[in-house]
Protein backbone atom coordinates (compact mmCIF):
# COMPACT_ATOMS: atom_id res chain seq x y z
CA MET A 1 30.54 -33.73 -29.31
CA VAL A 2 27.14 -34.11 -27.59
CA GLY A 3 25.95 -32.06 -24.49
CA LEU A 4 27.62 -29.29 -22.77
CA LYS A 5 31.37 -29.21 -22.73
CA PRO A 6 33.52 -29.79 -19.67
CA THR A 7 34.24 -26.43 -17.85
CA ASP A 8 37.81 -25.26 -17.19
CA VAL A 9 36.80 -24.46 -13.50
CA PRO A 10 35.90 -27.96 -11.71
CA PRO A 11 32.56 -27.81 -10.03
CA THR A 12 32.34 -26.83 -6.24
CA PRO A 13 30.94 -29.13 -3.46
CA MET A 14 27.70 -27.05 -3.36
CA VAL A 15 27.19 -27.54 -7.16
CA LYS A 16 27.69 -30.95 -6.92
CA LEU A 17 25.09 -31.43 -4.16
CA ILE A 18 22.52 -29.32 -5.93
CA SER A 19 23.24 -30.94 -9.29
CA ALA A 20 23.11 -34.56 -7.47
CA GLY A 21 19.82 -33.82 -5.62
CA THR A 22 18.09 -32.32 -8.72
CA ALA A 23 19.41 -34.84 -10.97
CA ALA A 24 18.13 -37.74 -8.77
CA CYS A 25 14.67 -36.30 -8.45
CA ILE A 26 14.33 -36.07 -12.06
CA ALA A 27 15.49 -39.53 -12.33
CA ASP A 28 12.87 -40.46 -9.86
CA LEU A 29 10.01 -39.00 -11.69
CA CYS A 30 11.19 -41.00 -14.90
CA THR A 31 11.58 -44.03 -13.20
CA PHE A 32 8.97 -44.39 -9.99
CA PRO A 33 6.61 -46.82 -11.76
CA LEU A 34 9.32 -49.41 -12.05
CA ASP A 35 10.28 -48.73 -8.26
CA THR A 36 6.80 -49.09 -7.08
CA ALA A 37 6.46 -52.47 -9.12
CA LYS A 38 9.72 -53.63 -7.74
CA VAL A 39 8.50 -53.04 -4.21
CA ARG A 40 5.16 -55.26 -4.73
CA LEU A 41 7.04 -58.02 -6.26
CA GLN A 42 9.80 -58.05 -3.14
CA ILE A 43 6.97 -58.15 -0.79
CA GLN A 44 4.66 -60.72 -2.51
CA GLY A 45 4.71 -63.88 -0.71
CA GLU A 46 5.00 -62.05 2.75
CA SER A 47 2.74 -63.01 5.50
CA LEU A 48 0.66 -59.93 6.33
CA PRO A 49 -1.92 -59.77 9.04
CA GLU A 50 -4.33 -58.22 5.95
CA SER A 51 -6.07 -61.12 4.43
CA ASN A 52 -6.77 -58.94 1.27
CA VAL A 53 -3.01 -58.43 0.52
CA ARG A 54 -2.48 -62.02 -0.22
CA ILE A 55 -4.97 -62.34 -2.96
CA VAL A 56 -3.30 -59.89 -5.35
CA GLN A 57 -0.88 -61.98 -7.16
CA TYR A 58 1.86 -60.21 -9.53
CA LYS A 59 3.45 -61.70 -12.48
CA GLY A 60 6.69 -59.67 -14.06
CA VAL A 61 7.17 -56.17 -14.36
CA TYR A 62 4.34 -55.66 -17.18
CA GLY A 63 1.97 -57.84 -15.27
CA THR A 64 2.43 -56.03 -11.89
CA ILE A 65 2.34 -52.59 -13.51
CA THR A 66 -0.86 -53.50 -15.42
CA THR A 67 -2.61 -55.11 -12.32
CA MET A 68 -2.10 -52.15 -10.34
CA VAL A 69 -3.43 -49.76 -12.70
CA LYS A 70 -6.49 -52.19 -13.39
CA MET A 71 -7.34 -52.46 -9.46
CA GLU A 72 -5.90 -49.33 -8.01
CA GLY A 73 -5.65 -46.88 -11.13
CA ALA A 74 -2.64 -45.48 -12.67
CA SER A 75 -2.01 -42.93 -9.73
CA SER A 76 -1.04 -45.73 -7.69
CA LEU A 77 2.38 -46.30 -9.71
CA TYR A 78 3.19 -43.01 -8.11
CA ASN A 79 2.26 -43.76 -4.59
CA GLY A 80 5.04 -42.28 -2.15
CA LEU A 81 6.28 -40.00 -4.98
CA VAL A 82 6.37 -36.89 -2.85
CA ALA A 83 8.48 -38.91 -0.02
CA GLY A 84 10.36 -40.27 -2.74
CA LEU A 85 11.50 -36.95 -3.92
CA GLN A 86 12.22 -35.87 -0.33
CA ARG A 87 14.28 -38.72 -0.06
CA GLN A 88 16.28 -37.91 -3.00
CA MET A 89 16.89 -34.34 -2.19
CA SER A 90 18.33 -35.05 1.06
CA PHE A 91 19.93 -38.78 0.08
CA ALA A 92 21.26 -38.27 -3.33
CA SER A 93 22.81 -34.96 -2.75
CA ILE A 94 24.81 -36.35 0.05
CA ARG A 95 25.91 -39.90 -1.45
CA ILE A 96 26.51 -38.61 -4.85
CA GLY A 97 27.36 -35.13 -4.60
CA LEU A 98 29.92 -35.57 -1.55
CA TYR A 99 31.50 -38.76 -3.18
CA ASP A 100 34.41 -36.76 -4.77
CA SER A 101 35.16 -34.74 -1.76
CA VAL A 102 35.33 -37.69 0.50
CA LYS A 103 37.25 -39.72 -2.28
CA GLN A 104 39.73 -36.69 -2.17
CA PHE A 105 40.09 -37.04 1.36
CA TYR A 106 40.77 -40.62 1.72
CA CYS A 107 43.36 -40.66 -1.07
CA ARG A 108 44.99 -37.51 0.38
CA GLN A 109 43.80 -35.74 -2.90
CA SER A 110 46.02 -37.88 -5.06
CA GLU A 111 46.05 -37.54 -8.65
CA ASN A 112 45.07 -41.67 -9.18
CA SER A 113 42.65 -42.63 -6.74
CA GLY A 114 42.78 -46.17 -5.89
CA ILE A 115 39.94 -48.90 -5.93
CA ILE A 116 40.20 -48.96 -1.91
CA CYS A 117 39.89 -45.22 -1.60
CA ARG A 118 36.74 -45.41 -3.84
CA LEU A 119 35.28 -48.04 -1.99
CA LEU A 120 35.54 -46.25 1.37
CA ALA A 121 34.09 -43.00 -0.12
CA GLY A 122 31.22 -44.86 -1.54
CA CYS A 123 30.49 -46.89 1.72
CA THR A 124 30.98 -43.53 3.84
CA THR A 125 28.71 -41.37 1.66
CA GLY A 126 26.00 -44.16 1.31
CA ALA A 127 25.93 -44.54 5.12
CA LEU A 128 26.00 -41.09 5.84
CA ALA A 129 22.82 -40.54 3.59
CA VAL A 130 20.93 -43.14 5.19
CA THR A 131 21.30 -41.46 8.55
CA PHE A 132 19.73 -38.44 7.35
CA ALA A 133 17.13 -39.57 5.05
CA GLN A 134 15.90 -43.06 6.39
CA PRO A 135 12.34 -41.62 7.59
CA THR A 136 11.87 -40.64 3.97
CA ASP A 137 12.62 -44.05 2.83
CA VAL A 138 10.36 -45.66 5.36
CA VAL A 139 7.48 -43.55 4.58
CA LYS A 140 7.90 -44.15 0.49
CA VAL A 141 8.14 -47.72 0.98
CA ARG A 142 4.87 -47.87 2.93
CA PHE A 143 3.09 -46.10 0.49
CA GLN A 144 4.18 -48.03 -2.26
CA ALA A 145 3.66 -51.36 -0.78
CA HIS A 146 0.03 -50.43 0.43
CA ILE A 147 -2.63 -52.05 -1.83
CA LYS A 148 -5.77 -49.97 -2.46
CA VAL A 149 -8.77 -52.26 -2.42
CA THR A 150 -11.76 -49.76 -1.88
CA ASP A 151 -11.85 -46.22 -2.64
CA GLY A 152 -11.84 -45.06 1.00
CA ASP A 153 -8.91 -47.43 1.79
CA ARG A 154 -6.11 -45.43 2.61
CA ARG A 155 -3.08 -46.32 4.98
CA TYR A 156 -2.03 -42.50 5.52
CA ASN A 157 -3.78 -39.38 4.50
CA GLY A 158 -0.87 -37.95 2.94
CA THR A 159 2.95 -37.72 3.34
CA VAL A 160 3.07 -35.50 6.42
CA ASP A 161 0.47 -37.75 8.20
CA ALA A 162 2.45 -40.82 7.43
CA TYR A 163 5.45 -39.36 9.25
CA LYS A 164 3.16 -38.40 12.09
CA THR A 165 1.06 -41.68 12.29
CA ILE A 166 4.42 -44.01 12.24
CA ALA A 167 6.05 -41.67 14.79
CA LYS A 168 3.00 -41.80 17.06
CA GLU A 169 2.15 -45.80 16.63
CA GLU A 170 5.67 -46.72 16.56
CA GLY A 171 7.90 -44.12 18.00
CA LEU A 172 10.58 -42.27 16.38
CA LYS A 173 12.53 -45.57 15.89
CA GLY A 174 9.69 -46.66 13.71
CA LEU A 175 10.96 -43.69 11.19
CA TRP A 176 14.39 -45.31 11.40
CA LYS A 177 13.16 -48.74 11.00
CA GLY A 178 15.24 -50.87 9.04
CA THR A 179 18.38 -48.50 9.32
CA MET A 180 21.06 -51.16 9.52
CA PRO A 181 19.53 -53.09 6.34
CA ASN A 182 19.43 -49.91 4.42
CA MET A 183 22.93 -48.66 5.55
CA THR A 184 24.23 -52.01 4.25
CA ARG A 185 22.06 -51.75 1.23
CA ASN A 186 23.24 -48.34 0.33
CA ALA A 187 26.63 -48.70 1.09
CA ILE A 188 26.76 -51.55 -1.23
CA ILE A 189 24.77 -50.04 -4.11
CA ASN A 190 26.58 -46.91 -3.63
CA CYS A 191 29.91 -48.35 -4.28
CA ALA A 192 28.38 -50.45 -7.24
CA GLU A 193 27.04 -47.48 -8.84
CA LEU A 194 29.57 -44.46 -8.04
CA VAL A 195 32.71 -46.94 -8.11
CA THR A 196 31.52 -48.48 -11.48
CA TYR A 197 30.76 -45.53 -13.05
CA ASP A 198 34.07 -43.96 -11.62
CA LEU A 199 36.15 -46.75 -13.28
CA ILE A 200 34.01 -47.11 -16.42
CA LYS A 201 34.05 -43.55 -17.47
CA GLU A 202 37.86 -43.29 -16.51
CA ALA A 203 38.78 -46.41 -18.86
CA ILE A 204 36.67 -45.18 -21.57
CA LEU A 205 38.40 -41.72 -21.73
CA LYS A 206 41.79 -43.38 -20.93
CA GLN A 207 41.34 -45.60 -23.80
CA GLN A 208 40.02 -42.77 -25.93
CA LEU A 209 36.98 -44.60 -26.90
CA MET A 210 34.65 -41.84 -26.33
CA THR A 211 34.96 -38.20 -25.33
CA ASP A 212 34.02 -36.97 -21.82
CA ASN A 213 30.26 -36.41 -22.86
CA LEU A 214 26.72 -38.02 -23.13
CA PRO A 215 27.66 -41.14 -24.86
CA CYS A 216 30.40 -41.99 -22.53
CA HIS A 217 28.21 -41.12 -19.65
CA PHE A 218 25.35 -43.13 -20.91
CA VAL A 219 27.71 -46.27 -21.30
CA ALA A 220 29.16 -45.67 -17.76
CA ALA A 221 26.07 -45.25 -16.31
CA PHE A 222 24.12 -48.36 -17.85
CA GLY A 223 27.08 -50.65 -16.47
CA ALA A 224 26.97 -49.24 -13.10
CA GLY A 225 23.01 -49.91 -13.05
CA PHE A 226 23.85 -53.44 -13.91
CA CYS A 227 26.36 -54.08 -11.40
CA ALA A 228 24.21 -52.25 -8.63
CA THR A 229 21.60 -54.46 -9.29
CA ILE A 230 23.39 -57.57 -8.94
CA VAL A 231 25.11 -57.14 -5.73
CA ALA A 232 22.36 -55.13 -3.92
CA SER A 233 19.02 -57.05 -4.68
CA PRO A 234 19.29 -59.50 -1.72
CA VAL A 235 19.76 -56.67 0.80
CA ASP A 236 17.24 -54.74 -1.04
CA VAL A 237 14.55 -57.27 -0.86
CA VAL A 238 15.30 -57.67 3.01
CA LYS A 239 15.26 -53.88 3.26
CA THR A 240 12.01 -53.74 1.79
CA ARG A 241 10.19 -56.47 3.63
CA TYR A 242 11.60 -55.40 6.83
CA MET A 243 10.41 -51.45 6.58
CA ASN A 244 7.17 -52.46 5.48
CA SER A 245 6.51 -55.22 8.21
CA ALA A 246 4.08 -54.65 10.93
CA PRO A 247 5.51 -54.03 14.44
CA GLY A 248 6.71 -57.38 15.87
CA GLN A 249 6.44 -59.40 12.71
CA TYR A 250 10.33 -59.59 12.65
CA ARG A 251 12.62 -59.34 15.47
CA ASN A 252 15.06 -57.66 13.47
CA ALA A 253 16.41 -57.65 9.76
CA ILE A 254 18.77 -60.60 10.25
CA ASN A 255 15.41 -62.59 11.44
CA CYS A 256 13.46 -61.17 8.44
CA ALA A 257 16.27 -62.42 6.08
CA PHE A 258 16.10 -66.01 7.76
CA THR A 259 12.39 -66.04 7.53
CA MET A 260 12.56 -65.51 3.92
CA LEU A 261 15.20 -68.11 3.20
CA VAL A 262 13.40 -70.88 5.45
CA LYS A 263 9.64 -69.90 3.94
CA GLU A 264 10.46 -69.00 0.47
CA GLY A 265 13.85 -70.27 -0.59
CA SER A 266 17.10 -68.43 -1.80
CA THR A 267 15.35 -67.17 -4.85
CA ALA A 268 13.13 -64.95 -2.73
CA PHE A 269 16.17 -62.64 -2.15
CA TYR A 270 16.14 -61.93 -6.33
CA LYS A 271 12.30 -61.12 -6.11
CA GLY A 272 11.57 -58.12 -8.33
CA PHE A 273 15.01 -58.42 -9.93
CA MET A 274 13.83 -57.37 -13.24
CA PRO A 275 12.05 -54.10 -12.43
CA SER A 276 15.15 -53.47 -9.86
CA PHE A 277 17.26 -53.98 -13.00
CA LEU A 278 15.07 -51.83 -15.29
CA ARG A 279 14.74 -49.34 -12.49
CA LEU A 280 18.45 -49.06 -11.62
CA GLY A 281 19.61 -49.37 -15.17
CA SER A 282 17.36 -46.31 -16.38
CA TRP A 283 17.61 -44.54 -13.07
CA ASN A 284 21.46 -44.53 -13.29
CA VAL A 285 21.37 -43.49 -17.10
CA VAL A 286 18.93 -40.51 -16.35
CA MET A 287 20.72 -39.47 -13.17
CA PHE A 288 24.09 -39.45 -14.23
CA VAL A 289 23.83 -38.09 -17.51
CA THR A 290 21.59 -35.30 -16.01
CA TYR A 291 24.07 -34.95 -13.18
CA GLU A 292 27.02 -34.27 -15.22
CA GLN A 293 25.21 -31.76 -17.58
CA LEU A 294 23.85 -29.87 -14.43
CA LYS A 295 27.24 -29.37 -13.19
CA ARG A 296 28.50 -28.19 -16.23
CA ALA A 297 25.56 -25.84 -16.82
CA MET A 298 25.81 -24.37 -13.39
CA MET A 299 29.46 -23.90 -13.43
CA SER A 300 29.34 -22.18 -17.14
CA ALA A 301 26.45 -19.80 -15.62
CA ARG A 302 28.63 -18.96 -12.58
CA THR A 303 31.70 -18.29 -14.93
CA SER A 304 29.59 -16.36 -16.97
CA TRP A 305 28.42 -14.33 -14.22
CA GLU A 306 31.66 -13.66 -12.40
CA SER A 307 33.36 -12.62 -15.68
CA PRO A 308 34.06 -9.16 -15.94
CA ILE A 309 32.09 -7.44 -18.72
């Protein structure tokens, strides 16, 4: 047995919300450079007003990271980290922390949740999370996509300034730019991650291949990360391109996707696939393992605190 044992008392919704947000932040801290590399690869080839952006060419995950460190410094790998952590606390806590509760609602609290119930729950919490957390995602992508050419070249003077500047120059709708592709992307990725994790973990335990602990969580999380990358990459690329675009560059997300297809071909929808998989795979492993352990630790602490001396 590896890790904390499951508690007799199931975790409360509040415990799940806190555990999910915290676990997602820890996962982001571990995998953020891969996410930044993914964004840079996804926007490569995009026609932008700034001529200097087109000079930089990235080749693969390692090449992207080394080029960024060489040209912009190691800190560039963590551009947008503050917005990223804000995003996870508001986003992951909803899409992951509320998943079980919403699944039970759709399944009328039945013992065996069908695949349709799980998919509906994944779509619901994924879409709901985007509604609340979209501004943090827009700011995070803007920071990650910005290529620093000179020491004084900064797109925004900090995270707060980014929120203010976007709202001032593009209106409040600028902070919710790309909501529909992001909602689509996160509904898909939420289903791929949570439902796949749910099913793999359930199958492993049912077949008694492993016990309900770290090795089981690791295998289920890795499988969830791979499935999520396969199904979500096309929408993820469009989301990144559209959220990072200059005002008026694309009419909408569909126009962005059509422009990509015409100018760059169908392979453009899988740009940055390797960093996406490395990031999602490692992110899912860190997040789900931490999430499961945090839930158990918090419930154990609560049980010990409430137990009479």
